[in-house]
Amino acid sequence: MRNVLFTLLLSVLARPLLAQGAPPQGAPDQPYVMEYYYKVQWGRQQEFLNLFLKNHYPLLMKEAESGRILSVKIEQPANHTTEDGRWDYRVTIRFKNSTLATTANPDEERFIKQLWPDQKTYEREEQRRFEILLGHWDLPVTDITPAKK
């Protein structure tokens, strides 16, 4: 009897927990949005941004030219927050669909070599960009704004 009550209690309590997950994004052929957050060492924000704009943003633009990415938006907060919740840059990318957002780009290596023929400098600068990075997280987001009537 105790096992039956425990199972019943568990099923009742588990249902709200499962419902709290992020809502799924649209259909597989619809745009898919990801937000990428970057937290940088204090005093290194401009250095990070310069390296990002030099060595990653052009790659995103190349992917936009190819049709994988529909748009890229780079933002920084206007005010500060607590250190544990701090982020310095948010890059929001609208991908053509969820498959393209969640799979590796088979053309990426070719794009990188095309955009940066001096691979040693590119690799050194990318290494530096990640050395000054304290945290990075990716967040798929879903627009749940009700449609206008």
C-alpha atoms as a PDB file:
ATOM      1  CA  MET A   1       0.000   0.000   0.000  1.00  0.00           C
ATOM      2  CA  ARG A   2       2.856   2.366   0.810  1.00  0.00           C
ATOM      3  CA  ASN A   3       4.382   1.782  -2.661  1.00  0.00           C
ATOM      4  CA  VAL A   4       1.070   2.624  -4.315  1.00  0.00           C
ATOM      5  CA  LEU A   5       0.770   5.872  -2.336  1.00  0.00           C
ATOM      6  CA  PHE A   6       4.390   6.775  -3.075  1.00  0.00           C
ATOM      7  CA  THR A   7       3.897   6.152  -6.817  1.00  0.00           C
ATOM      8  CA  LEU A   8       0.702   8.205  -6.835  1.00  0.00           C
ATOM      9  CA  LEU A   9       2.361  11.056  -4.944  1.00  0.00           C
ATOM     10  CA  LEU A  10       5.359  10.984  -7.263  1.00  0.00           C
ATOM     11  CA  SER A  11       3.168  11.129 -10.372  1.00  0.00           C
ATOM     12  CA  VAL A  12       1.213  14.085  -8.997  1.00  0.00           C
ATOM     13  CA  LEU A  13       4.365  16.006  -8.023  1.00  0.00           C
ATOM     14  CA  ALA A  14       6.268  15.199 -11.219  1.00  0.00           C
ATOM     15  CA  ARG A  15       3.609  16.591 -13.564  1.00  0.00           C
ATOM     16  CA  PRO A  16       4.189  20.293 -12.631  1.00  0.00           C
ATOM     17  CA  LEU A  17       7.939  19.810 -12.826  1.00  0.00           C
ATOM     18  CA  LEU A  18       7.695  18.490 -16.360  1.00  0.00           C
ATOM     19  CA  ALA A  19       5.377  21.331 -17.350  1.00  0.00           C
ATOM     20  CA  GLN A  20       7.931  23.952 -16.313  1.00  0.00           C
ATOM     21  CA  GLY A  21      10.285  23.242 -19.214  1.00  0.00           C
ATOM     22  CA  ALA A  22      10.686  25.766 -22.006  1.00  0.00           C
ATOM     23  CA  PRO A  23       7.923  25.588 -24.568  1.00  0.00           C
ATOM     24  CA  PRO A  24       9.020  24.055 -27.849  1.00  0.00           C
ATOM     25  CA  GLN A  25       9.874  26.401 -30.659  1.00  0.00           C
ATOM     26  CA  GLY A  26       7.827  26.439 -33.861  1.00  0.00           C
ATOM     27  CA  ALA A  27       7.643  23.830 -36.561  1.00  0.00           C
ATOM     28  CA  PRO A  28      10.911  22.344 -37.871  1.00  0.00           C
ATOM     29  CA  ASP A  29      10.786  24.600 -40.942  1.00  0.00           C
ATOM     30  CA  GLN A  30      10.288  27.785 -38.900  1.00  0.00           C
ATOM     31  CA  PRO A  31      12.978  30.180 -37.603  1.00  0.00           C
ATOM     32  CA  TYR A  32      14.764  29.114 -34.407  1.00  0.00           C
ATOM     33  CA  VAL A  33      16.145  31.697 -31.985  1.00  0.00           C
ATOM     34  CA  MET A  34      19.169  31.280 -29.725  1.00  0.00           C
ATOM     35  CA  GLU A  35      20.643  33.808 -27.312  1.00  0.00           C
ATOM     36  CA  TYR A  36      24.355  33.505 -26.530  1.00  0.00           C
ATOM     37  CA  TYR A  37      25.547  35.200 -23.354  1.00  0.00           C
ATOM     38  CA  TYR A  38      29.157  36.179 -22.649  1.00  0.00           C
ATOM     39  CA  LYS A  39      30.592  37.183 -19.276  1.00  0.00           C
ATOM     40  CA  VAL A  40      34.092  38.664 -19.584  1.00  0.00           C
ATOM     41  CA  GLN A  41      36.832  39.421 -17.047  1.00  0.00           C
ATOM     42  CA  TRP A  42      36.442  42.914 -15.579  1.00  0.00           C
ATOM     43  CA  GLY A  43      38.305  45.474 -17.645  1.00  0.00           C
ATOM     44  CA  ARG A  44      38.555  43.160 -20.664  1.00  0.00           C
ATOM     45  CA  GLN A  45      35.117  43.818 -22.192  1.00  0.00           C
ATOM     46  CA  GLN A  46      36.376  46.024 -25.026  1.00  0.00           C
ATOM     47  CA  GLU A  47      39.184  43.599 -25.863  1.00  0.00           C
ATOM     48  CA  PHE A  48      36.681  40.746 -26.020  1.00  0.00           C
ATOM     49  CA  LEU A  49      34.290  42.750 -28.190  1.00  0.00           C
ATOM     50  CA  ASN A  50      37.084  43.748 -30.581  1.00  0.00           C
ATOM     51  CA  LEU A  51      38.165  40.114 -30.963  1.00  0.00           C
ATOM     52  CA  PHE A  52      34.554  38.955 -31.335  1.00  0.00           C
ATOM     53  CA  LEU A  53      33.874  41.519 -34.062  1.00  0.00           C
ATOM     54  CA  LYS A  54      37.131  40.673 -35.832  1.00  0.00           C
ATOM     55  CA  ASN A  55      37.119  36.889 -35.579  1.00  0.00           C
ATOM     56  CA  HIS A  56      33.588  35.644 -35.027  1.00  0.00           C
ATOM     57  CA  TYR A  57      31.113  38.189 -36.356  1.00  0.00           C
ATOM     58  CA  PRO A  58      32.379  37.840 -39.965  1.00  0.00           C
ATOM     59  CA  LEU A  59      31.799  34.093 -39.709  1.00  0.00           C
ATOM     60  CA  LEU A  60      28.224  34.710 -38.565  1.00  0.00           C
ATOM     61  CA  MET A  61      27.734  37.095 -41.496  1.00  0.00           C
ATOM     62  CA  LYS A  62      29.096  34.434 -43.869  1.00  0.00           C
ATOM     63  CA  GLU A  63      26.562  31.991 -42.453  1.00  0.00           C
ATOM     64  CA  ALA A  64      23.869  34.617 -42.992  1.00  0.00           C
ATOM     65  CA  GLU A  65      24.961  34.940 -46.627  1.00  0.00           C
ATOM     66  CA  SER A  66      24.639  31.161 -46.998  1.00  0.00           C
ATOM     67  CA  GLY A  67      21.083  31.237 -45.625  1.00  0.00           C
ATOM     68  CA  ARG A  68      21.679  29.316 -42.367  1.00  0.00           C
ATOM     69  CA  ILE A  69      21.237  32.462 -40.270  1.00  0.00           C
ATOM     70  CA  LEU A  70      18.431  34.983 -40.796  1.00  0.00           C
ATOM     71  CA  SER A  71      19.663  37.692 -38.408  1.00  0.00           C
ATOM     72  CA  VAL A  72      22.260  38.525 -35.769  1.00  0.00           C
ATOM     73  CA  LYS A  73      21.848  41.115 -33.019  1.00  0.00           C
ATOM     74  CA  ILE A  74      24.585  42.040 -30.507  1.00  0.00           C
ATOM     75  CA  GLU A  75      23.579  43.789 -27.279  1.00  0.00           C
ATOM     76  CA  GLN A  76      25.070  44.834 -23.971  1.00  0.00           C
ATOM     77  CA  PRO A  77      23.190  45.783 -20.812  1.00  0.00           C
ATOM     78  CA  ALA A  78      22.732  49.472 -20.032  1.00  0.00           C
ATOM     79  CA  ASN A  79      23.064  48.927 -16.270  1.00  0.00           C
ATOM     80  CA  HIS A  80      24.944  46.509 -14.063  1.00  0.00           C
ATOM     81  CA  THR A  81      23.551  43.572 -12.115  1.00  0.00           C
ATOM     82  CA  THR A  82      24.855  41.374  -9.335  1.00  0.00           C
ATOM     83  CA  GLU A  83      28.066  39.543 -10.177  1.00  0.00           C
ATOM     84  CA  ASP A  84      26.399  36.141 -10.257  1.00  0.00           C
ATOM     85  CA  GLY A  85      23.823  37.344 -12.798  1.00  0.00           C
ATOM     86  CA  ARG A  86      26.172  39.581 -14.775  1.00  0.00           C
ATOM     87  CA  TRP A  87      26.605  39.235 -18.520  1.00  0.00           C
ATOM     88  CA  ASP A  88      28.475  41.623 -20.774  1.00  0.00           C
ATOM     89  CA  TYR A  89      27.217  40.728 -24.246  1.00  0.00           C
ATOM     90  CA  ARG A  90      24.190  38.940 -25.650  1.00  0.00           C
ATOM     91  CA  VAL A  91      24.188  37.759 -29.240  1.00  0.00           C
ATOM     92  CA  THR A  92      20.767  36.779 -30.530  1.00  0.00           C
ATOM     93  CA  ILE A  93      20.771  34.660 -33.655  1.00  0.00           C
ATOM     94  CA  ARG A  94      17.692  33.736 -35.667  1.00  0.00           C
ATOM     95  CA  PHE A  95      18.467  30.560 -37.577  1.00  0.00           C
ATOM     96  CA  LYS A  96      16.499  29.444 -40.606  1.00  0.00           C
ATOM     97  CA  ASN A  97      15.278  26.389 -38.665  1.00  0.00           C
ATOM     98  CA  SER A  98      16.043  24.249 -35.618  1.00  0.00           C
ATOM     99  CA  THR A  99      18.107  21.725 -37.568  1.00  0.00           C
ATOM    100  CA  LEU A 100      20.528  24.387 -38.779  1.00  0.00           C
ATOM    101  CA  ALA A 101      20.704  25.873 -35.268  1.00  0.00           C
ATOM    102  CA  THR A 102      21.596  22.586 -33.618  1.00  0.00           C
ATOM    103  CA  THR A 103      23.950  20.961 -36.129  1.00  0.00           C
ATOM    104  CA  ALA A 104      27.490  21.799 -37.147  1.00  0.00           C
ATOM    105  CA  ASN A 105      27.929  23.821 -40.310  1.00  0.00           C
ATOM    106  CA  PRO A 106      29.776  21.613 -42.830  1.00  0.00           C
ATOM    107  CA  ASP A 107      31.137  24.770 -44.512  1.00  0.00           C
ATOM    108  CA  GLU A 108      32.550  26.358 -41.356  1.00  0.00           C
ATOM    109  CA  GLU A 109      36.175  25.263 -41.814  1.00  0.00           C
ATOM    110  CA  ARG A 110      36.150  26.456 -45.415  1.00  0.00           C
ATOM    111  CA  PHE A 111      34.650  29.799 -44.359  1.00  0.00           C
ATOM    112  CA  ILE A 112      37.267  30.214 -41.621  1.00  0.00           C
ATOM    113  CA  LYS A 113      40.149  29.566 -44.004  1.00  0.00           C
ATOM    114  CA  GLN A 114      38.594  31.877 -46.581  1.00  0.00           C
ATOM    115  CA  LEU A 115      38.006  34.715 -44.109  1.00  0.00           C
ATOM    116  CA  TRP A 116      41.319  34.405 -42.232  1.00  0.00           C
ATOM    117  CA  PRO A 117      44.158  33.185 -44.453  1.00  0.00           C
ATOM    118  CA  ASP A 118      46.615  33.848 -41.597  1.00  0.00           C
ATOM    119  CA  GLN A 119      45.407  30.914 -39.523  1.00  0.00           C
ATOM    120  CA  LYS A 120      48.087  31.298 -36.834  1.00  0.00           C
ATOM    121  CA  THR A 121      46.940  34.828 -36.009  1.00  0.00           C
ATOM    122  CA  TYR A 122      43.293  33.774 -36.116  1.00  0.00           C
ATOM    123  CA  GLU A 123      43.914  30.846 -33.746  1.00  0.00           C
ATOM    124  CA  ARG A 124      45.980  32.988 -31.356  1.00  0.00           C
ATOM    125  CA  GLU A 125      43.294  35.697 -31.240  1.00  0.00           C
ATOM    126  CA  GLU A 126      40.494  33.182 -30.764  1.00  0.00           C
ATOM    127  CA  GLN A 127      42.461  31.587 -27.939  1.00  0.00           C
ATOM    128  CA  ARG A 128      42.812  35.020 -26.325  1.00  0.00           C
ATOM    129  CA  ARG A 129      39.083  35.714 -26.732  1.00  0.00           C
ATOM    130  CA  PHE A 130      38.318  32.575 -24.744  1.00  0.00           C
ATOM    131  CA  GLU A 131      41.080  33.210 -22.165  1.00  0.00           C
ATOM    132  CA  ILE A 132      39.372  36.415 -21.033  1.00  0.00           C
ATOM    133  CA  LEU A 133      35.919  34.837 -21.019  1.00  0.00           C
ATOM    134  CA  LEU A 134      34.577  33.960 -17.559  1.00  0.00           C
ATOM    135  CA  GLY A 135      31.338  32.390 -18.710  1.00  0.00           C
ATOM    136  CA  HIS A 136      29.309  31.596 -21.800  1.00  0.00           C
ATOM    137  CA  TRP A 137      25.864  30.081 -22.061  1.00  0.00           C
ATOM    138  CA  ASP A 138      23.385  29.408 -24.839  1.00  0.00           C
ATOM    139  CA  LEU A 139      19.663  29.810 -24.394  1.00  0.00           C
ATOM    140  CA  PRO A 140      17.034  28.811 -26.948  1.00  0.00           C
ATOM    141  CA  VAL A 141      14.113  31.235 -26.675  1.00  0.00           C
ATOM    142  CA  THR A 142      10.530  31.007 -27.792  1.00  0.00           C
ATOM    143  CA  ASP A 143       8.303  33.981 -28.518  1.00  0.00           C
ATOM    144  CA  ILE A 144       5.009  33.254 -26.777  1.00  0.00           C
ATOM    145  CA  THR A 145       3.446  36.679 -27.319  1.00  0.00           C
ATOM    146  CA  PRO A 146      -0.266  36.208 -28.083  1.00  0.00           C
ATOM    147  CA  ALA A 147      -1.279  37.073 -31.639  1.00  0.00           C
ATOM    148  CA  LYS A 148      -3.076  40.398 -32.087  1.00  0.00           C
ATOM    149  CA  LYS A 149      -6.793  40.089 -32.604  1.00  0.00           C
END
